[in-house]
Protein backbone atom coordinates (compact mmCIF):
# COMPACT_ATOMS: atom_id res chain seq x y z
CA MET A 1 -119.01 -118.47 -42.34
CA ARG A 2 -119.97 -122.05 -43.08
CA LEU A 3 -120.12 -124.89 -40.54
CA THR A 4 -120.41 -128.53 -41.60
CA PHE A 5 -121.65 -131.51 -39.59
CA ARG A 6 -120.68 -134.86 -41.09
CA ALA A 7 -123.44 -137.24 -42.16
CA ASP A 8 -122.04 -140.23 -40.25
CA LYS A 9 -121.81 -138.23 -37.03
CA ILE A 10 -125.32 -136.78 -37.22
CA ARG A 11 -126.72 -140.25 -37.99
CA VAL A 12 -125.37 -141.46 -34.63
CA LEU A 13 -126.68 -138.32 -32.88
CA LEU A 14 -130.15 -138.81 -34.41
CA ALA A 15 -130.28 -142.41 -33.17
CA ALA A 16 -129.30 -141.26 -29.67
CA ALA A 17 -131.91 -138.49 -29.79
CA GLU A 18 -134.68 -140.83 -30.83
CA SER A 19 -133.89 -143.10 -27.88
CA ARG A 20 -133.93 -140.16 -25.41
CA TRP A 21 -136.87 -138.02 -26.58
CA SER A 22 -139.47 -140.48 -25.27
CA LEU A 23 -137.92 -140.13 -21.80
CA GLY A 24 -138.45 -136.38 -21.71
CA LEU A 25 -137.22 -133.12 -23.20
CA ARG A 26 -134.94 -130.48 -21.75
CA ARG A 27 -135.87 -126.81 -21.95
CA ARG A 28 -133.94 -124.15 -23.82
CA PHE A 29 -133.83 -121.46 -21.16
CA ARG A 30 -137.55 -121.12 -20.39
CA VAL A 31 -138.71 -122.29 -23.82
CA LYS A 32 -140.31 -125.71 -24.20
CA ASP A 33 -139.23 -126.82 -27.68
CA PRO A 34 -140.54 -129.94 -29.40
CA ALA A 35 -138.18 -132.87 -29.85
CA GLY A 36 -135.24 -131.56 -31.83
CA PHE A 37 -131.68 -130.36 -31.65
CA TRP A 38 -129.71 -127.40 -30.39
CA LEU A 39 -126.90 -125.71 -32.25
CA VAL A 40 -124.60 -124.49 -29.50
CA GLY A 41 -121.85 -121.90 -29.74
CA ASP A 42 -119.70 -122.39 -26.65
CA GLN A 43 -116.40 -124.23 -26.40
CA GLY A 44 -116.51 -124.74 -30.17
CA VAL A 45 -119.78 -125.10 -32.08
CA TYR A 46 -121.69 -128.33 -31.76
CA LEU A 47 -125.04 -129.98 -32.34
CA MET A 48 -126.81 -131.84 -29.54
CA HIS A 49 -130.30 -133.26 -29.01
CA ASN A 50 -132.73 -131.90 -26.44
CA GLY A 51 -133.77 -135.30 -25.10
CA LYS A 52 -133.36 -136.23 -21.47
CA ALA A 53 -129.70 -135.96 -20.55
CA THR A 54 -127.36 -138.87 -19.97
CA LYS A 55 -124.13 -138.91 -17.96
CA HIS A 56 -122.19 -138.19 -21.14
CA LYS A 57 -123.18 -135.20 -23.26
CA GLN A 58 -123.88 -136.45 -26.78
CA ILE A 59 -122.58 -133.84 -29.20
CA VAL A 60 -121.24 -133.51 -32.72
CA TYR A 61 -118.77 -130.72 -33.39
CA ALA A 62 -118.75 -128.73 -36.60
CA GLN A 63 -115.76 -129.76 -38.69
CA GLU A 64 -114.61 -126.14 -38.82
CA CYS A 65 -114.97 -125.49 -35.08
CA ASN A 66 -113.82 -128.47 -33.04
CA PRO A 67 -111.71 -127.74 -29.95
CA GLU A 68 -110.84 -131.44 -29.63
CA THR A 69 -109.00 -131.53 -32.97
CA MET A 70 -108.08 -127.93 -33.82
CA PRO A 71 -105.74 -125.30 -32.42
CA PHE A 72 -107.47 -122.70 -30.24
CA ASP A 73 -106.99 -119.79 -32.66
CA GLN A 74 -108.65 -121.73 -35.51
CA TRP A 75 -111.73 -122.99 -33.71
CA TRP A 76 -112.18 -119.73 -31.77
CA ALA A 77 -112.17 -117.71 -35.00
CA ALA A 78 -114.88 -119.98 -36.47
CA LYS A 79 -116.95 -119.79 -33.27
CA ARG A 80 -116.67 -115.99 -33.20
CA ASP A 81 -117.57 -115.71 -36.91
CA SER A 82 -120.69 -117.83 -36.41
CA PHE A 83 -121.94 -116.99 -32.89
CA GLY A 84 -119.93 -113.92 -31.93
CA ASP A 85 -117.93 -113.62 -28.74
CA ASP A 86 -120.82 -114.75 -26.51
CA ASP A 87 -122.23 -118.23 -26.14
CA GLY A 88 -125.38 -119.02 -28.08
CA LEU A 89 -128.06 -121.65 -28.54
CA GLU A 90 -130.45 -122.11 -31.48
CA PHE A 91 -133.24 -124.67 -31.85
CA ILE A 92 -132.97 -126.91 -34.92
CA ASP A 93 -136.01 -128.84 -36.11
CA ALA A 94 -135.58 -132.63 -36.04
CA GLY A 95 -136.86 -132.82 -39.62
CA LEU A 96 -133.75 -131.05 -40.92
CA VAL A 97 -131.49 -133.61 -39.28
CA ARG A 98 -133.65 -136.51 -40.47
CA ASP A 99 -133.56 -135.14 -44.03
CA ALA A 100 -129.77 -134.90 -43.95
CA VAL A 101 -129.46 -138.44 -42.60
CA ALA A 102 -131.90 -139.78 -45.22
CA ALA A 103 -129.87 -138.08 -47.96
CA ASN A 104 -126.57 -139.26 -46.43
CA SER A 105 -125.57 -135.60 -46.54
CA PRO A 106 -123.74 -133.33 -44.16
CA LEU A 107 -125.84 -130.72 -42.41
CA ILE A 108 -124.52 -127.30 -43.33
CA PHE A 109 -125.07 -123.99 -41.54
CA GLU A 110 -124.22 -120.69 -43.19
CA PHE A 111 -123.95 -117.53 -41.15
CA THR A 112 -123.98 -113.91 -42.20
CA GLU A 113 -123.95 -110.93 -39.86
CA THR A 114 -127.73 -111.15 -39.48
CA THR A 115 -128.89 -114.59 -40.64
CA MET A 116 -128.36 -118.31 -40.21
CA SER A 117 -129.33 -120.71 -43.02
CA VAL A 118 -129.41 -124.50 -42.85
CA PHE A 119 -129.22 -126.86 -45.79
CA ILE A 120 -128.16 -130.29 -46.96
CA GLU A 121 -126.12 -131.15 -50.01
CA LYS A 122 -127.87 -132.98 -52.79
CA ARG A 123 -125.75 -135.93 -53.79
CA ALA A 124 -125.71 -137.61 -57.18
CA HIS A 125 -126.24 -141.36 -57.00
């Protein structure tokens, strides 16, 4: 299963994160992560920053798992294939998102039954 986060969307999320991190960081359960992002499997699969929360949750949905634009059966199948039937939350290092933004590349997550890999596409100029 492959999930893709568009470069233009993660650029906006990174800018929001950088403005919120200096105000404080939220915890992932009882873990105190450094400034970064969370990949969340819930109602769809989305990326969000762990900076201090605002009134509006700042998220970017995976193109393949977006409940706002896709029929339930489609996004649910992608969520189940990536995170299983339960909700999930994984920490993502800010450097990965910065690298994708710098390369103007989507951020891509690949899931197998036992692993999750993250990469960016190299683009020819």
